[in-house]
């Protein structure tokens, strides 16, 4: 790995380079399916993908770099909704998170990434950068809600999205239990209520007046 701004394998050019990248990332998932992170090696990925191991080391430097990029690559498949209301967006996104991590290989992937980050400082940097980029992107739905008058004007989008994601990662990585639709609904409902109450605003802001807010009482 190099820097968070340009980690090995981060660019996505076309042609043979793109095919190489996809073959390698597919091999990472297949190896995780078979043996888990503890058995994952650059040599096994090279053998399965048909890509020379020297190429893997040159572009990704270590197995931790590979699993982190796999998460970044696949997380782009989680859609960011725009339903017209924040409660609708929160519930839709929560359900998408459940669908994503409901797949055993995706759960194994996040477990592998967290394990990699605990072992390798560079992997930890990549994981932190992933969330630093993903959370503001998802936070656009919060910005739209502020513009519509659903939330206090000083609501912090990153804090709202962090609060939405936290129950899922606690359930998977700490409690070691599956995520499900009930968790999606409870997480989205709790975050919406807290955001409306001003829990995620900067000092000096307050909740939106329920009697005057244009979407008071809106639900998913």
Protein backbone atom coordinates (compact mmCIF):
# COMPACT_ATOMS: atom_id res chain seq x y z
CA UNK A 1 0.00 0.00 0.00
CA UNK A 2 1.18 3.53 -0.65
CA UNK A 3 -0.99 6.36 0.65
CA UNK A 4 -4.71 6.71 1.40
CA UNK A 5 -4.99 8.99 -1.61
CA UNK A 6 -3.57 6.45 -4.03
CA UNK A 7 -3.49 2.94 -2.63
CA UNK A 8 -2.17 0.20 -4.90
CA UNK A 9 -4.89 -1.12 -7.16
CA UNK A 10 -7.10 1.90 -6.46
CA UNK A 11 -7.25 3.20 -10.03
CA UNK A 12 -9.50 1.41 -12.44
CA UNK A 13 -8.09 1.63 -15.96
CA UNK A 14 -9.59 -0.44 -18.73
CA UNK A 15 -8.16 -3.34 -20.68
CA UNK A 16 -5.85 -5.97 -19.24
CA UNK A 17 -5.19 -4.04 -16.04
CA UNK A 18 -8.91 -3.97 -15.20
CA UNK A 19 -9.26 -7.68 -15.98
CA UNK A 20 -6.29 -8.46 -13.77
CA UNK A 21 -7.76 -6.46 -10.92
CA UNK A 22 -11.15 -8.16 -11.15
CA UNK A 23 -9.60 -11.62 -11.37
CA UNK A 24 -7.55 -10.95 -8.25
CA UNK A 25 -10.43 -9.52 -6.23
CA UNK A 26 -12.66 -12.43 -7.23
CA UNK A 27 -9.95 -14.82 -6.11
CA UNK A 28 -9.74 -13.07 -2.73
CA UNK A 29 -13.46 -13.66 -2.12
CA UNK A 30 -13.23 -17.28 -3.20
CA UNK A 31 -10.29 -17.92 -0.90
CA UNK A 32 -12.11 -16.26 1.98
CA UNK A 33 -15.09 -18.53 1.28
CA UNK A 34 -12.91 -21.62 1.51
CA UNK A 35 -10.45 -20.90 4.28
CA UNK A 36 -11.21 -17.57 5.92
CA UNK A 37 -8.79 -14.74 6.55
CA UNK A 38 -6.42 -16.87 8.61
CA UNK A 39 -5.66 -19.06 5.59
CA UNK A 40 -5.51 -16.26 3.02
CA UNK A 41 -2.13 -15.69 1.39
CA UNK A 42 -0.83 -13.81 -1.62
CA UNK A 43 0.39 -17.10 -3.07
CA UNK A 44 -3.08 -18.69 -2.89
CA UNK A 45 -4.68 -15.65 -4.49
CA UNK A 46 -2.07 -15.70 -7.24
CA UNK A 47 -2.66 -19.39 -7.94
CA UNK A 48 -6.44 -19.04 -8.05
CA UNK A 49 -6.47 -15.87 -10.14
CA UNK A 50 -3.75 -16.93 -12.56
CA UNK A 51 -1.89 -13.68 -11.88
CA UNK A 52 1.80 -13.86 -11.00
CA UNK A 53 2.44 -13.35 -7.31
CA UNK A 54 5.02 -10.66 -8.07
CA UNK A 55 2.27 -8.60 -9.70
CA UNK A 56 0.16 -8.89 -6.55
CA UNK A 57 3.00 -7.74 -4.33
CA UNK A 58 3.85 -4.89 -6.69
CA UNK A 59 0.29 -3.51 -6.79
CA UNK A 60 -1.09 -4.37 -3.33
CA UNK A 61 2.05 -5.02 -1.25
CA UNK A 62 0.27 -7.28 1.27
CA UNK A 63 -2.80 -9.45 1.80
CA UNK A 64 -4.30 -6.73 4.00
CA UNK A 65 -4.28 -4.37 1.03
CA UNK A 66 -6.17 -6.89 -1.04
CA UNK A 67 -8.97 -7.47 1.44
CA UNK A 68 -9.40 -3.75 2.08
CA UNK A 69 -9.70 -3.02 -1.62
CA UNK A 70 -12.21 -5.85 -1.97
CA UNK A 71 -14.45 -4.15 0.59
CA UNK A 72 -14.10 -0.80 -1.16
CA UNK A 73 -14.92 -2.38 -4.50
CA UNK A 74 -18.01 -4.25 -3.33
CA UNK A 75 -19.44 -1.54 -1.09
CA UNK A 76 -20.16 0.49 -4.20
CA UNK A 77 -23.00 -1.94 -4.91
CA UNK A 78 -24.95 -0.64 -1.88
CA UNK A 79 -27.31 1.98 -3.38
CA UNK A 80 -27.77 5.38 -1.75
CA UNK A 81 -31.52 6.04 -1.81
CA UNK A 82 -33.42 9.23 -2.53
CA UNK A 83 -37.02 8.54 -1.52
CA UNK A 84 -37.98 12.15 -0.87
CA UNK A 85 -37.91 11.94 2.94
CA UNK A 86 -35.14 11.16 5.39
CA UNK A 87 -37.06 8.41 7.19
CA UNK A 88 -37.62 6.74 3.85
CA UNK A 89 -33.95 7.08 2.94
CA UNK A 90 -32.76 5.74 6.31
CA UNK A 91 -35.01 2.70 6.16
CA UNK A 92 -34.09 1.98 2.55
CA UNK A 93 -30.37 2.23 3.26
CA UNK A 94 -30.65 0.10 6.39
CA UNK A 95 -32.40 -2.61 4.41
CA UNK A 96 -29.67 -2.45 1.76
CA UNK A 97 -27.01 -2.87 4.45
CA UNK A 98 -28.82 -5.97 5.73
CA UNK A 99 -28.99 -7.38 2.21
CA UNK A 100 -25.28 -6.69 1.67
CA UNK A 101 -24.00 -8.21 4.91
CA UNK A 102 -26.66 -10.90 4.88
CA UNK A 103 -24.52 -12.67 2.30
CA UNK A 104 -22.03 -14.90 4.14
CA UNK A 105 -19.10 -13.91 1.92
CA UNK A 106 -19.71 -10.20 2.56
CA UNK A 107 -19.76 -10.80 6.28
CA UNK A 108 -16.53 -12.77 6.02
CA UNK A 109 -15.06 -9.88 4.07
CA UNK A 110 -15.80 -7.21 6.69
CA UNK A 111 -14.46 -9.55 9.38
CA UNK A 112 -11.29 -10.00 7.33
CA UNK A 113 -10.88 -6.26 6.80
CA UNK A 114 -11.24 -5.50 10.51
CA UNK A 115 -8.80 -8.27 11.33
CA UNK A 116 -6.36 -6.88 8.78
CA UNK A 117 -6.69 -3.38 10.21
CA UNK A 118 -5.91 -4.70 13.69
CA UNK A 119 -2.72 -6.32 12.42
CA UNK A 120 -1.39 -3.83 9.93
CA UNK A 121 -1.20 -0.01 10.32
CA UNK A 122 -1.46 0.55 6.59
CA UNK A 123 -4.61 -1.59 6.42
CA UNK A 124 -5.99 0.42 9.33
CA UNK A 125 -5.35 3.60 7.36
CA UNK A 126 -7.16 2.20 4.33
CA UNK A 127 -10.14 1.12 6.46
CA UNK A 128 -10.34 4.53 8.12
CA UNK A 129 -10.10 6.25 4.74
CA UNK A 130 -12.87 4.01 3.41
CA UNK A 131 -15.26 5.23 6.09
CA UNK A 132 -14.07 8.83 5.81
CA UNK A 133 -15.04 8.74 2.13
CA UNK A 134 -18.18 6.60 2.36
CA UNK A 135 -19.87 8.38 5.28
CA UNK A 136 -19.95 11.87 3.70
CA UNK A 137 -21.22 10.32 0.48
CA UNK A 138 -24.12 8.70 2.32
CA UNK A 139 -24.53 11.91 4.30
CA UNK A 140 -25.93 13.65 1.24
CA UNK A 141 -29.33 12.28 2.19
CA UNK A 142 -29.00 14.14 5.50
CA UNK A 143 -28.05 17.35 3.71
CA UNK A 144 -31.18 17.03 1.57
CA UNK A 145 -33.24 16.53 4.73
CA UNK A 146 -31.83 19.72 6.23
CA UNK A 147 -32.69 21.60 3.04
CA UNK A 148 -36.27 20.27 3.22
CA UNK A 149 -36.57 21.39 6.84
CA UNK A 150 -36.81 17.89 8.26
CA UNK A 151 -33.75 18.34 10.49
CA UNK A 152 -32.08 21.17 12.42
CA UNK A 153 -29.80 23.24 10.18
CA UNK A 154 -26.59 22.27 12.02
CA UNK A 155 -27.14 18.52 11.79
CA UNK A 156 -23.88 16.69 11.15
CA UNK A 157 -24.38 14.26 8.23
CA UNK A 158 -21.41 12.07 9.17
CA UNK A 159 -22.65 11.67 12.74
CA UNK A 160 -26.09 10.62 11.52
CA UNK A 161 -24.71 8.03 9.11
CA UNK A 162 -22.25 6.75 11.72
CA UNK A 163 -25.13 6.22 14.11
CA UNK A 164 -27.08 4.32 11.48
CA UNK A 165 -24.21 1.97 10.71
CA UNK A 166 -23.07 1.35 14.28
CA UNK A 167 -25.71 -1.25 15.27
CA UNK A 168 -24.87 -3.39 12.24
CA UNK A 169 -21.14 -3.49 12.96
CA UNK A 170 -21.78 -4.14 16.66
CA UNK A 171 -24.10 -7.02 15.80
CA UNK A 172 -21.65 -8.60 13.34
CA UNK A 173 -18.27 -7.95 14.93
CA UNK A 174 -18.96 -7.83 18.66
CA UNK A 175 -22.16 -9.75 19.40
CA UNK A 176 -21.40 -12.17 16.55
CA UNK A 177 -25.02 -12.42 15.51
CA UNK A 178 -26.68 -12.07 12.10
CA UNK A 179 -28.16 -8.80 10.87
CA UNK A 180 -31.80 -8.88 9.86
CA UNK A 181 -34.78 -6.80 8.84
CA UNK A 182 -35.79 -6.12 12.43
CA UNK A 183 -32.41 -4.55 13.11
CA UNK A 184 -32.72 -2.44 9.95
CA UNK A 185 -36.09 -1.06 11.03
CA UNK A 186 -35.07 -0.37 14.62
CA UNK A 187 -31.79 1.31 13.64
CA UNK A 188 -33.43 3.56 11.06
CA UNK A 189 -36.29 4.48 13.38
CA UNK A 190 -33.95 5.30 16.27
CA UNK A 191 -31.62 7.44 14.16
CA UNK A 192 -34.52 9.36 12.63
CA UNK A 193 -35.97 10.12 16.08
CA UNK A 194 -32.59 11.17 17.47
CA UNK A 195 -31.79 13.35 14.46
CA UNK A 196 -35.16 15.10 14.69
CA UNK A 197 -34.49 15.75 18.38
CA UNK A 198 -31.19 17.46 17.55
CA UNK A 199 -28.93 14.70 18.88
CA UNK A 200 -26.47 15.09 16.00
CA UNK A 201 -26.26 18.87 15.82
CA UNK A 202 -23.38 21.11 16.67
CA UNK A 203 -23.57 23.06 19.91
CA UNK A 204 -26.22 25.73 19.90
CA UNK A 205 -28.67 24.00 17.55
CA UNK A 206 -31.94 22.44 18.53
CA UNK A 207 -34.65 20.14 17.20
CA UNK A 208 -37.01 21.04 14.39
CA UNK A 209 -40.41 22.16 15.67
CA UNK A 210 -42.67 19.17 15.13
CA UNK A 211 -45.63 21.47 14.61
CA UNK A 212 -44.03 23.47 11.83
CA UNK A 213 -41.54 21.19 10.08
CA UNK A 214 -42.67 20.46 6.52
CA UNK A 215 -42.24 16.73 7.01
CA UNK A 216 -43.34 16.43 10.62
CA UNK A 217 -44.52 12.92 11.24
CA UNK A 218 -43.07 11.61 7.96
CA UNK A 219 -42.45 7.90 7.91
CA UNK A 220 -40.81 5.48 5.55
